[in-house]
Amino acid sequence: MLAALLWLGSLLYAPAATVSRAREGQARGIDALAHVERRDPGLAAALEWVRSELEPGRHVLLEAASRSYGPGNMISAASATPTLVGWPGHQLQWHSNVPLTERLNVVDTIYRNGAGSESLLLARKHGVTHVYLGREERRQFGADVAARFEAWPTVFEVPGARIVAVSTGSQ
């Protein structure tokens, strides 16, 4: 009897999921990034800039790490421009020998310290050429995170998003 009730209940899933998805207001199409323009126009503009200006083989863009498929690491995931660590779960799954804890600490240190000498040394050691400062970075590291990087040259900026180049001078 219980199995029959569970089976009947499971039949409700498909119609309920269909109604739920229909209420999300997503436009029809195959553009997997269409939601980015609606939800975070600054991120969308930064993504376009990165795609046109940064070469994946030459540049590393630091971004906030987040859970798999979470709000962090959007630019790296959508542009093929590498970052130190995007989704820790994916790193462990696909690159079990990556020094994950070290990289997470580097990301945290750079964002928390800003454009100081320690951040500069860490960025250079790990090949970081640019730092993204957007919505997820503000959420994780504080609303003033962009102000911490004033000493590094801004190469891209729109409301809600900024990209700075790692300083090439000595500090």
Protein backbone atom coordinates (compact mmCIF):
# COMPACT_ATOMS: atom_id res chain seq x y z
CA MET A 1 0.00 0.00 0.00
CA LEU A 2 2.77 2.43 0.95
CA ALA A 3 4.66 1.63 -2.24
CA ALA A 4 1.55 2.36 -4.29
CA LEU A 5 1.08 5.72 -2.58
CA LEU A 6 4.72 6.64 -3.19
CA TRP A 7 4.40 5.63 -6.82
CA LEU A 8 1.24 7.71 -7.28
CA GLY A 9 2.92 10.64 -5.55
CA SER A 10 5.90 10.38 -7.87
CA LEU A 11 3.57 10.84 -10.84
CA LEU A 12 2.90 14.37 -9.62
CA TYR A 13 6.55 15.38 -10.02
CA ALA A 14 6.57 15.91 -13.80
CA PRO A 15 3.51 18.20 -13.95
CA ALA A 16 4.63 20.13 -10.86
CA ALA A 17 8.12 20.62 -12.30
CA THR A 18 6.63 21.80 -15.60
CA VAL A 19 4.48 24.40 -13.85
CA SER A 20 7.40 25.51 -11.70
CA ARG A 21 9.72 25.99 -14.71
CA ALA A 22 7.00 27.81 -16.65
CA ARG A 23 6.68 30.36 -13.83
CA GLU A 24 10.40 31.22 -13.90
CA GLY A 25 9.89 33.58 -16.83
CA GLN A 26 12.85 32.33 -18.83
CA ALA A 27 12.86 33.17 -22.50
CA ARG A 28 12.85 30.22 -24.85
CA GLY A 29 16.08 29.45 -26.64
CA ILE A 30 19.36 27.66 -26.39
CA ASP A 31 21.51 30.49 -24.98
CA ALA A 32 22.68 29.08 -21.66
CA LEU A 33 23.93 32.52 -20.57
CA ALA A 34 20.81 34.55 -21.37
CA HIS A 35 19.92 34.67 -17.68
CA VAL A 36 23.22 36.44 -16.89
CA GLU A 37 22.23 39.54 -18.86
CA ARG A 38 18.95 39.77 -16.93
CA ARG A 39 20.29 38.98 -13.47
CA ASP A 40 23.70 40.65 -13.53
CA PRO A 41 24.35 42.99 -16.48
CA GLY A 42 27.77 43.93 -15.06
CA LEU A 43 28.86 40.31 -15.10
CA ALA A 44 27.55 39.90 -18.66
CA ALA A 45 29.53 42.94 -19.83
CA ALA A 46 32.66 41.74 -18.01
CA LEU A 47 32.29 38.33 -19.64
CA GLU A 48 32.17 39.90 -23.08
CA TRP A 49 35.25 42.01 -22.28
CA VAL A 50 37.18 38.96 -21.06
CA ARG A 51 36.23 36.98 -24.15
CA SER A 52 37.53 39.73 -26.43
CA GLU A 53 40.57 40.94 -24.47
CA LEU A 54 42.08 38.08 -22.46
CA GLU A 55 43.76 35.09 -24.05
CA PRO A 56 43.14 31.86 -22.12
CA GLY A 57 46.71 30.68 -22.68
CA ARG A 58 48.27 33.92 -21.42
CA HIS A 59 45.96 35.23 -18.72
CA VAL A 60 44.55 34.02 -15.40
CA LEU A 61 41.52 35.84 -13.98
CA LEU A 62 40.99 35.58 -10.24
CA GLU A 63 37.34 35.09 -9.27
CA ALA A 64 35.53 34.11 -6.10
CA ALA A 65 35.12 30.37 -5.73
CA SER A 66 31.68 28.93 -5.06
CA ARG A 67 29.81 25.67 -4.85
CA SER A 68 29.35 23.78 -8.11
CA TYR A 69 27.10 25.68 -10.50
CA GLY A 70 26.93 28.50 -7.96
CA PRO A 71 27.27 32.22 -8.62
CA GLY A 72 31.08 32.33 -8.51
CA ASN A 73 33.43 31.42 -11.33
CA MET A 74 30.97 32.45 -14.05
CA ILE A 75 33.52 34.22 -16.23
CA SER A 76 36.07 31.44 -16.18
CA ALA A 77 33.43 28.81 -16.84
CA ALA A 78 31.94 30.76 -19.76
CA SER A 79 35.11 32.12 -21.36
CA ALA A 80 37.75 29.38 -20.89
CA THR A 81 39.98 31.95 -19.18
CA PRO A 82 41.56 30.06 -16.29
CA THR A 83 41.17 30.94 -12.64
CA LEU A 84 42.91 29.50 -9.57
CA VAL A 85 39.89 27.59 -8.33
CA GLY A 86 36.31 27.90 -9.45
CA TRP A 87 34.16 25.12 -8.08
CA PRO A 88 36.07 23.17 -5.42
CA GLY A 89 33.95 20.05 -5.89
CA HIS A 90 34.82 19.93 -9.58
CA GLN A 91 38.48 20.45 -8.81
CA LEU A 92 38.47 17.45 -6.50
CA GLN A 93 36.51 15.36 -8.95
CA TRP A 94 38.60 16.07 -12.04
CA HIS A 95 41.99 17.07 -10.61
CA SER A 96 42.42 15.15 -7.37
CA ASN A 97 46.05 16.22 -7.03
CA VAL A 98 45.38 19.98 -7.16
CA PRO A 99 46.44 21.84 -3.99
CA LEU A 100 42.86 22.94 -3.33
CA THR A 101 43.25 24.27 0.21
CA GLU A 102 46.29 26.32 -0.80
CA ARG A 103 44.49 27.83 -3.77
CA LEU A 104 41.39 28.67 -1.74
CA ASN A 105 43.64 30.38 0.81
CA VAL A 106 45.33 32.37 -1.98
CA VAL A 107 41.97 33.53 -3.35
CA ASP A 108 40.83 34.52 0.15
CA THR A 109 44.08 36.33 0.97
CA ILE A 110 44.15 38.35 -2.24
CA TYR A 111 40.52 39.46 -1.98
CA ARG A 112 40.76 40.25 1.74
CA ASN A 113 44.07 42.16 1.50
CA GLY A 114 43.52 43.93 -1.81
CA ALA A 115 46.35 45.53 -3.73
CA GLY A 116 49.02 45.06 -1.10
CA SER A 117 52.46 43.53 -1.39
CA GLU A 118 51.36 40.10 -0.12
CA SER A 119 48.59 39.95 -2.74
CA LEU A 120 50.99 41.04 -5.44
CA LEU A 121 53.47 38.30 -4.53
CA LEU A 122 50.74 35.65 -4.40
CA ALA A 123 49.18 36.76 -7.68
CA ARG A 124 52.52 36.69 -9.46
CA LYS A 125 53.47 33.31 -7.91
CA HIS A 126 50.22 31.77 -9.20
CA GLY A 127 50.21 33.52 -12.56
CA VAL A 128 47.18 35.72 -11.85
CA THR A 129 47.08 38.61 -14.33
CA HIS A 130 43.65 40.10 -13.56
CA VAL A 131 41.20 40.25 -10.65
CA TYR A 132 37.42 40.33 -11.13
CA LEU A 133 35.38 42.39 -8.69
CA GLY A 134 31.68 41.70 -9.03
CA ARG A 135 28.54 40.75 -7.15
CA GLU A 136 29.80 37.42 -5.77
CA GLU A 137 33.12 38.95 -4.71
CA ARG A 138 31.24 41.70 -2.81
CA ARG A 139 29.00 39.08 -1.18
CA GLN A 140 31.93 36.93 -0.04
CA PHE A 141 34.56 39.55 0.76
CA GLY A 142 32.57 42.67 1.65
CA ALA A 143 30.96 45.59 -0.14
CA ASP A 144 34.28 47.47 -0.11
CA VAL A 145 36.28 44.78 -1.93
CA ALA A 146 36.69 46.92 -5.08
CA ALA A 147 38.12 49.79 -3.03
CA ARG A 148 40.90 47.49 -1.82
CA PHE A 149 42.22 47.27 -5.38
CA GLU A 150 42.34 51.00 -6.17
CA ALA A 151 46.14 50.84 -6.45
CA TRP A 152 45.99 48.38 -9.35
CA PRO A 153 45.02 49.66 -12.80
CA THR A 154 41.37 49.27 -13.75
CA VAL A 155 41.12 47.76 -17.24
CA PHE A 156 37.35 47.33 -17.34
CA GLU A 157 34.50 48.87 -15.37
CA VAL A 158 30.73 49.11 -15.61
CA PRO A 159 28.20 49.52 -12.80
CA GLY A 160 28.48 46.44 -10.62
CA ALA A 161 31.67 44.99 -12.12
CA ARG A 162 35.33 45.90 -12.38
CA ILE A 163 38.42 44.10 -13.58
CA VAL A 164 41.85 45.22 -12.44
CA ALA A 165 45.20 44.16 -13.83
CA VAL A 166 47.74 42.82 -11.39
CA SER A 167 50.23 45.61 -10.93
CA THR A 168 53.38 45.24 -13.01
CA GLY A 169 55.31 47.74 -10.90
CA SER A 170 56.99 46.94 -7.61
CA GLN A 171 55.18 47.46 -4.32
